[in-house]
Amino acid sequence: MTHPFHPHSGQRLRVLFERQLASGRLLVCDDGESGTVTVSEAATDRAGAPADRPLTFELLVKLRAAVAAIKR
């Protein structure tokens, strides 16, 4: 668990199964105490690395221009 504010932060939990939802992937894990805990994949080391920089307005403008060029 890598999310700094999660009660299990810094712990390794065994993944029992995964669920794919529209909002993202959920992991159902064995926490050893209360049975299972469900966590977002984004709160774990399975998530992709964070972006080098934030998505800014300027980057969105460049993306829009690139998509428009492809559509032509």
PDB file of N, CA and C in Angstrom:
ATOM      1  N   MET A   1       0.859  -1.164   0.000  1.00  0.00           N
ATOM      2  CA  MET A   1       0.000   0.000   0.000  1.00  0.00           C
ATOM      3  C   MET A   1       0.905   1.227   0.000  1.00  0.00           C
ATOM      4  N   THR A   2       0.768   2.069  -1.004  1.00  0.00           N
ATOM      5  CA  THR A   2       1.656   3.228  -1.108  1.00  0.00           C
ATOM      6  C   THR A   2       0.975   4.554  -0.801  1.00  0.00           C
ATOM      7  N   HIS A   3      -0.356   4.594  -0.758  1.00  0.00           N
ATOM      8  CA  HIS A   3      -1.041   5.858  -0.461  1.00  0.00           C
ATOM      9  C   HIS A   3      -0.686   6.283   0.961  1.00  0.00           C
ATOM     10  N   PRO A   4      -0.155   7.511   1.135  1.00  0.00           N
ATOM     11  CA  PRO A   4       0.368   7.903   2.449  1.00  0.00           C
ATOM     12  C   PRO A   4      -0.668   7.994   3.562  1.00  0.00           C
ATOM     13  N   PHE A   5      -1.939   8.180   3.244  1.00  0.00           N
ATOM     14  CA  PHE A   5      -2.947   8.363   4.287  1.00  0.00           C
ATOM     15  C   PHE A   5      -3.812   7.125   4.514  1.00  0.00           C
ATOM     16  N   HIS A   6      -3.510   6.030   3.838  1.00  0.00           N
ATOM     17  CA  HIS A   6      -4.279   4.797   4.019  1.00  0.00           C
ATOM     18  C   HIS A   6      -3.832   4.112   5.306  1.00  0.00           C
ATOM     19  N   PRO A   7      -4.758   3.535   6.069  1.00  0.00           N
ATOM     20  CA  PRO A   7      -4.385   2.852   7.325  1.00  0.00           C
ATOM     21  C   PRO A   7      -3.348   1.740   7.136  1.00  0.00           C
ATOM     22  N   HIS A   8      -3.290   1.146   5.952  1.00  0.00           N
ATOM     23  CA  HIS A   8      -2.335   0.068   5.680  1.00  0.00           C
ATOM     24  C   HIS A   8      -1.105   0.568   4.914  1.00  0.00           C
ATOM     25  N   SER A   9      -0.874   1.861   4.921  1.00  0.00           N
ATOM     26  CA  SER A   9       0.263   2.434   4.194  1.00  0.00           C
ATOM     27  C   SER A   9       1.568   1.765   4.622  1.00  0.00           C
ATOM     28  N   GLY A  10       2.369   1.393   3.635  1.00  0.00           N
ATOM     29  CA  GLY A  10       3.649   0.751   3.904  1.00  0.00           C
ATOM     30  C   GLY A  10       3.580  -0.753   4.072  1.00  0.00           C
ATOM     31  N   GLN A  11       2.380  -1.306   4.110  1.00  0.00           N
ATOM     32  CA  GLN A  11       2.217  -2.752   4.286  1.00  0.00           C
ATOM     33  C   GLN A  11       2.030  -3.441   2.935  1.00  0.00           C
ATOM     34  N   ARG A  12       2.396  -4.697   2.877  1.00  0.00           N
ATOM     35  CA  ARG A  12       2.123  -5.524   1.701  1.00  0.00           C
ATOM     36  C   ARG A  12       0.914  -6.396   2.024  1.00  0.00           C
ATOM     37  N   LEU A  13      -0.083  -6.339   1.166  1.00  0.00           N
ATOM     38  CA  LEU A  13      -1.301  -7.125   1.351  1.00  0.00           C
ATOM     39  C   LEU A  13      -1.422  -8.140   0.220  1.00  0.00           C
ATOM     40  N   ARG A  14      -1.937  -9.300   0.532  1.00  0.00           N
ATOM     41  CA  ARG A  14      -2.158 -10.329  -0.485  1.00  0.00           C
ATOM     42  C   ARG A  14      -3.452 -10.010  -1.227  1.00  0.00           C
ATOM     43  N   VAL A  15      -3.366  -9.929  -2.549  1.00  0.00           N
ATOM     44  CA  VAL A  15      -4.534  -9.658  -3.392  1.00  0.00           C
ATOM     45  C   VAL A  15      -5.304 -10.955  -3.588  1.00  0.00           C
ATOM     46  N   LEU A  16      -6.576 -10.934  -3.194  1.00  0.00           N
ATOM     47  CA  LEU A  16      -7.441 -12.106  -3.355  1.00  0.00           C
ATOM     48  C   LEU A  16      -8.053 -12.143  -4.747  1.00  0.00           C
ATOM     49  N   PHE A  17      -8.555 -10.987  -5.196  1.00  0.00           N
ATOM     50  CA  PHE A  17      -9.073 -10.875  -6.554  1.00  0.00           C
ATOM     51  C   PHE A  17      -9.203  -9.406  -6.918  1.00  0.00           C
ATOM     52  N   GLU A  18      -9.436  -9.170  -8.203  1.00  0.00           N
ATOM     53  CA  GLU A  18      -9.553  -7.808  -8.732  1.00  0.00           C
ATOM     54  C   GLU A  18     -10.923  -7.626  -9.349  1.00  0.00           C
ATOM     55  N   ARG A  19     -11.382  -6.387  -9.313  1.00  0.00           N
ATOM     56  CA  ARG A  19     -12.646  -6.032  -9.985  1.00  0.00           C
ATOM     57  C   ARG A  19     -12.394  -4.808 -10.849  1.00  0.00           C
ATOM     58  N   GLN A  20     -12.884  -4.846 -12.071  1.00  0.00           N
ATOM     59  CA  GLN A  20     -12.758  -3.708 -12.967  1.00  0.00           C
ATOM     60  C   GLN A  20     -14.077  -2.950 -12.956  1.00  0.00           C
ATOM     61  N   LEU A  21     -14.031  -1.695 -12.559  1.00  0.00           N
ATOM     62  CA  LEU A  21     -15.206  -0.830 -12.560  1.00  0.00           C
ATOM     63  C   LEU A  21     -14.976   0.307 -13.539  1.00  0.00           C
ATOM     64  N   ALA A  22     -16.020   1.030 -13.865  1.00  0.00           N
ATOM     65  CA  ALA A  22     -15.872   2.177 -14.756  1.00  0.00           C
ATOM     66  C   ALA A  22     -14.911   3.207 -14.173  1.00  0.00           C
ATOM     67  N   SER A  23     -14.863   3.296 -12.856  1.00  0.00           N
ATOM     68  CA  SER A  23     -13.996   4.279 -12.199  1.00  0.00           C
ATOM     69  C   SER A  23     -12.560   3.795 -12.050  1.00  0.00           C
ATOM     70  N   GLY A  24     -12.286   2.540 -12.381  1.00  0.00           N
ATOM     71  CA  GLY A  24     -10.932   1.997 -12.273  1.00  0.00           C
ATOM     72  C   GLY A  24     -10.932   0.609 -11.670  1.00  0.00           C
ATOM     73  N   ARG A  25      -9.753   0.089 -11.455  1.00  0.00           N
ATOM     74  CA  ARG A  25      -9.603  -1.269 -10.927  1.00  0.00           C
ATOM     75  C   ARG A  25      -9.565  -1.231  -9.405  1.00  0.00           C
ATOM     76  N   LEU A  26     -10.309  -2.159  -8.798  1.00  0.00           N
ATOM     77  CA  LEU A  26     -10.303  -2.323  -7.346  1.00  0.00           C
ATOM     78  C   LEU A  26      -9.637  -3.644  -7.000  1.00  0.00           C
ATOM     79  N   LEU A  27      -8.871  -3.632  -5.934  1.00  0.00           N
ATOM     80  CA  LEU A  27      -8.214  -4.840  -5.455  1.00  0.00           C
ATOM     81  C   LEU A  27      -8.841  -5.237  -4.133  1.00  0.00           C
ATOM     82  N   VAL A  28      -9.266  -6.470  -4.014  1.00  0.00           N
ATOM     83  CA  VAL A  28      -9.790  -6.991  -2.758  1.00  0.00           C
ATOM     84  C   VAL A  28      -8.651  -7.790  -2.135  1.00  0.00           C
ATOM     85  N   CYS A  29      -8.208  -7.329  -0.954  1.00  0.00           N
ATOM     86  CA  CYS A  29      -7.004  -7.876  -0.329  1.00  0.00           C
ATOM     87  C   CYS A  29      -7.316  -8.468   1.036  1.00  0.00           C
ATOM     88  N   ASP A  30      -6.481  -9.409   1.443  1.00  0.00           N
ATOM     89  CA  ASP A  30      -6.547  -9.995   2.781  1.00  0.00           C
ATOM     90  C   ASP A  30      -5.719  -9.102   3.695  1.00  0.00           C
ATOM     91  N   ASP A  31      -6.359  -8.497   4.700  1.00  0.00           N
ATOM     92  CA  ASP A  31      -5.597  -7.614   5.595  1.00  0.00           C
ATOM     93  C   ASP A  31      -5.167  -8.320   6.875  1.00  0.00           C
ATOM     94  N   GLY A  32      -5.560  -9.587   7.022  1.00  0.00           N
ATOM     95  CA  GLY A  32      -5.102 -10.373   8.154  1.00  0.00           C
ATOM     96  C   GLY A  32      -5.792 -10.080   9.467  1.00  0.00           C
ATOM     97  N   GLU A  33      -6.506  -8.980   9.585  1.00  0.00           N
ATOM     98  CA  GLU A  33      -7.162  -8.613  10.845  1.00  0.00           C
ATOM     99  C   GLU A  33      -8.673  -8.758  10.733  1.00  0.00           C
ATOM    100  N   SER A  34      -9.261  -7.923   9.902  1.00  0.00           N
ATOM    101  CA  SER A  34     -10.718  -7.921   9.788  1.00  0.00           C
ATOM    102  C   SER A  34     -11.205  -8.758   8.615  1.00  0.00           C
ATOM    103  N   GLY A  35     -10.306  -9.406   7.926  1.00  0.00           N
ATOM    104  CA  GLY A  35     -10.708 -10.223   6.786  1.00  0.00           C
ATOM    105  C   GLY A  35     -10.212  -9.638   5.489  1.00  0.00           C
ATOM    106  N   THR A  36     -11.043  -8.807   4.855  1.00  0.00           N
ATOM    107  CA  THR A  36     -10.652  -8.234   3.577  1.00  0.00           C
ATOM    108  C   THR A  36     -10.781  -6.721   3.608  1.00  0.00           C
ATOM    109  N   VAL A  37     -10.041  -6.108   2.725  1.00  0.00           N
ATOM    110  CA  VAL A  37     -10.116  -4.667   2.533  1.00  0.00           C
ATOM    111  C   VAL A  37     -10.090  -4.426   1.027  1.00  0.00           C
ATOM    112  N   THR A  38     -10.911  -3.498   0.566  1.00  0.00           N
ATOM    113  CA  THR A  38     -10.964  -3.153  -0.848  1.00  0.00           C
ATOM    114  C   THR A  38     -10.264  -1.820  -1.045  1.00  0.00           C
ATOM    115  N   VAL A  39      -9.323  -1.802  -1.970  1.00  0.00           N
ATOM    116  CA  VAL A  39      -8.559  -0.578  -2.220  1.00  0.00           C
ATOM    117  C   VAL A  39      -8.493  -0.311  -3.713  1.00  0.00           C
ATOM    118  N   SER A  40      -8.384   0.937  -4.048  1.00  0.00           N
ATOM    119  CA  SER A  40      -8.191   1.338  -5.432  1.00  0.00           C
ATOM    120  C   SER A  40      -6.773   0.984  -5.857  1.00  0.00           C
ATOM    121  N   GLU A  41      -6.623   0.507  -7.065  1.00  0.00           N
ATOM    122  CA  GLU A  41      -5.290   0.184  -7.566  1.00  0.00           C
ATOM    123  C   GLU A  41      -4.379   1.412  -7.528  1.00  0.00           C
ATOM    124  N   ALA A  42      -4.968   2.601  -7.651  1.00  0.00           N
ATOM    125  CA  ALA A  42      -4.182   3.835  -7.630  1.00  0.00           C
ATOM    126  C   ALA A  42      -3.471   4.052  -6.300  1.00  0.00           C
ATOM    127  N   ALA A  43      -3.928   3.394  -5.235  1.00  0.00           N
ATOM    128  CA  ALA A  43      -3.312   3.552  -3.913  1.00  0.00           C
ATOM    129  C   ALA A  43      -2.201   2.541  -3.674  1.00  0.00           C
ATOM    130  N   THR A  44      -1.817   1.817  -4.733  1.00  0.00           N
ATOM    131  CA  THR A  44      -0.823   0.751  -4.578  1.00  0.00           C
ATOM    132  C   THR A  44       0.347   0.957  -5.527  1.00  0.00           C
ATOM    133  N   ASP A  45       1.353   0.110  -5.383  1.00  0.00           N
ATOM    134  CA  ASP A  45       2.496   0.175  -6.291  1.00  0.00           C
ATOM    135  C   ASP A  45       2.182  -0.447  -7.653  1.00  0.00           C
ATOM    136  N   ARG A  46       0.971  -0.978  -7.824  1.00  0.00           N
ATOM    137  CA  ARG A  46       0.556  -1.500  -9.131  1.00  0.00           C
ATOM    138  C   ARG A  46       0.155  -0.378 -10.083  1.00  0.00           C
ATOM    139  N   ALA A  47      -0.137   0.778  -9.541  1.00  0.00           N
ATOM    140  CA  ALA A  47      -0.539   1.911 -10.373  1.00  0.00           C
ATOM    141  C   ALA A  47       0.666   2.404 -11.167  1.00  0.00           C
ATOM    142  N   GLY A  48       0.394   3.028 -12.278  1.00  0.00           N
ATOM    143  CA  GLY A  48       1.479   3.594 -13.067  1.00  0.00           C
ATOM    144  C   GLY A  48       2.174   4.722 -12.324  1.00  0.00           C
ATOM    145  N   ALA A  49       3.347   5.026 -12.770  1.00  0.00           N
ATOM    146  CA  ALA A  49       4.106   6.116 -12.151  1.00  0.00           C
ATOM    147  C   ALA A  49       3.399   7.441 -12.413  1.00  0.00           C
ATOM    148  N   PRO A  50       3.479   8.371 -11.479  1.00  0.00           N
ATOM    149  CA  PRO A  50       2.852   9.670 -11.707  1.00  0.00           C
ATOM    150  C   PRO A  50       3.531  10.400 -12.859  1.00  0.00           C
ATOM    151  N   ALA A  51       2.800  11.281 -13.468  1.00  0.00           N
ATOM    152  CA  ALA A  51       3.340  12.055 -14.587  1.00  0.00           C
ATOM    153  C   ALA A  51       4.498  12.930 -14.114  1.00  0.00           C
ATOM    154  N   ASP A  52       5.416  13.199 -15.048  1.00  0.00           N
ATOM    155  CA  ASP A  52       6.546  14.072 -14.721  1.00  0.00           C
ATOM    156  C   ASP A  52       6.102  15.491 -14.416  1.00  0.00           C
ATOM    157  N   ARG A  53       5.010  15.878 -15.063  1.00  0.00           N
ATOM    158  CA  ARG A  53       4.491  17.230 -14.844  1.00  0.00           C
ATOM    159  C   ARG A  53       2.968  17.186 -14.911  1.00  0.00           C
ATOM    160  N   PRO A  54       2.324  18.172 -14.321  1.00  0.00           N
ATOM    161  CA  PRO A  54       0.857  18.176 -14.332  1.00  0.00           C
ATOM    162  C   PRO A  54       0.309  18.470 -15.726  1.00  0.00           C
ATOM    163  N   LEU A  55      -0.909  18.055 -15.941  1.00  0.00           N
ATOM    164  CA  LEU A  55      -1.598  18.346 -17.189  1.00  0.00           C
ATOM    165  C   LEU A  55      -2.069  19.789 -17.125  1.00  0.00           C
ATOM    166  N   THR A  56      -1.455  20.618 -17.927  1.00  0.00           N
ATOM    167  CA  THR A  56      -1.753  22.054 -17.889  1.00  0.00           C
ATOM    168  C   THR A  56      -2.660  22.439 -19.054  1.00  0.00           C
ATOM    169  N   PHE A  57      -3.164  23.649 -18.993  1.00  0.00           N
ATOM    170  CA  PHE A  57      -3.988  24.184 -20.069  1.00  0.00           C
ATOM    171  C   PHE A  57      -3.201  24.201 -21.377  1.00  0.00           C
ATOM    172  N   GLU A  58      -1.942  24.594 -21.299  1.00  0.00           N
ATOM    173  CA  GLU A  58      -1.107  24.670 -22.499  1.00  0.00           C
ATOM    174  C   GLU A  58      -0.932  23.292 -23.151  1.00  0.00           C
ATOM    175  N   LEU A  59      -0.761  22.267 -22.333  1.00  0.00           N
ATOM    176  CA  LEU A  59      -0.643  20.914 -22.884  1.00  0.00           C
ATOM    177  C   LEU A  59      -1.951  20.457 -23.525  1.00  0.00           C
ATOM    178  N   LEU A  60      -3.073  20.836 -22.932  1.00  0.00           N
ATOM    179  CA  LEU A  60      -4.367  20.488 -23.524  1.00  0.00           C
ATOM    180  C   LEU A  60      -4.558  21.174 -24.871  1.00  0.00           C
ATOM    181  N   VAL A  61      -4.106  22.415 -24.990  1.00  0.00           N
ATOM    182  CA  VAL A  61      -4.193  23.136 -26.263  1.00  0.00           C
ATOM    183  C   VAL A  61      -3.359  22.413 -27.319  1.00  0.00           C
ATOM    184  N   LYS A  62      -2.154  21.968 -26.947  1.00  0.00           N
ATOM    185  CA  LYS A  62      -1.300  21.229 -27.883  1.00  0.00           C
ATOM    186  C   LYS A  62      -1.943  19.898 -28.276  1.00  0.00           C
ATOM    187  N   LEU A  63      -2.562  19.235 -27.327  1.00  0.00           N
ATOM    188  CA  LEU A  63      -3.242  17.976 -27.612  1.00  0.00           C
ATOM    189  C   LEU A  63      -4.395  18.196 -28.581  1.00  0.00           C
ATOM    190  N   ARG A  64      -5.154  19.241 -28.355  1.00  0.00           N
ATOM    191  CA  ARG A  64      -6.279  19.558 -29.251  1.00  0.00           C
ATOM    192  C   ARG A  64      -5.777  19.794 -30.668  1.00  0.00           C
ATOM    193  N   ALA A  65      -4.675  20.523 -30.805  1.00  0.00           N
ATOM    194  CA  ALA A  65      -4.107  20.788 -32.128  1.00  0.00           C
ATOM    195  C   ALA A  65      -3.636  19.494 -32.787  1.00  0.00           C
ATOM    196  N   ALA A  66      -3.034  18.610 -32.025  1.00  0.00           N
ATOM    197  CA  ALA A  66      -2.563  17.340 -32.579  1.00  0.00           C
ATOM    198  C   ALA A  66      -3.733  16.478 -33.045  1.00  0.00           C
ATOM    199  N   VAL A  67      -4.793  16.418 -32.259  1.00  0.00           N
ATOM    200  CA  VAL A  67      -5.977  15.636 -32.637  1.00  0.00           C
ATOM    201  C   VAL A  67      -6.625  16.233 -33.879  1.00  0.00           C
ATOM    202  N   ALA A  68      -6.699  17.555 -33.947  1.00  0.00           N
ATOM    203  CA  ALA A  68      -7.280  18.214 -35.121  1.00  0.00           C
ATOM    204  C   ALA A  68      -6.458  17.905 -36.370  1.00  0.00           C
ATOM    205  N   ALA A  69      -5.133  17.871 -36.239  1.00  0.00           N
ATOM    206  CA  ALA A  69      -4.273  17.569 -37.385  1.00  0.00           C
ATOM    207  C   ALA A  69      -4.476  16.133 -37.858  1.00  0.00           C
ATOM    208  N   ILE A  70      -4.684  15.226 -36.937  1.00  0.00           N
ATOM    209  CA  ILE A  70      -4.904  13.824 -37.300  1.00  0.00           C
ATOM    210  C   ILE A  70      -6.233  13.657 -38.026  1.00  0.00           C
ATOM    211  N   LYS A  71      -7.236  14.415 -37.623  1.00  0.00           N
ATOM    212  CA  LYS A  71      -8.572  14.290 -38.220  1.00  0.00           C
ATOM    213  C   LYS A  71      -8.624  14.830 -39.645  1.00  0.00           C
ATOM    214  N   ARG A  72      -7.683  15.657 -40.021  1.00  0.00           N
ATOM    215  CA  ARG A  72      -7.713  16.250 -41.372  1.00  0.00           C
ATOM    216  C   ARG A  72      -7.305  15.296 -42.428  1.00  0.00           C
TER     217      ARG A  72
END
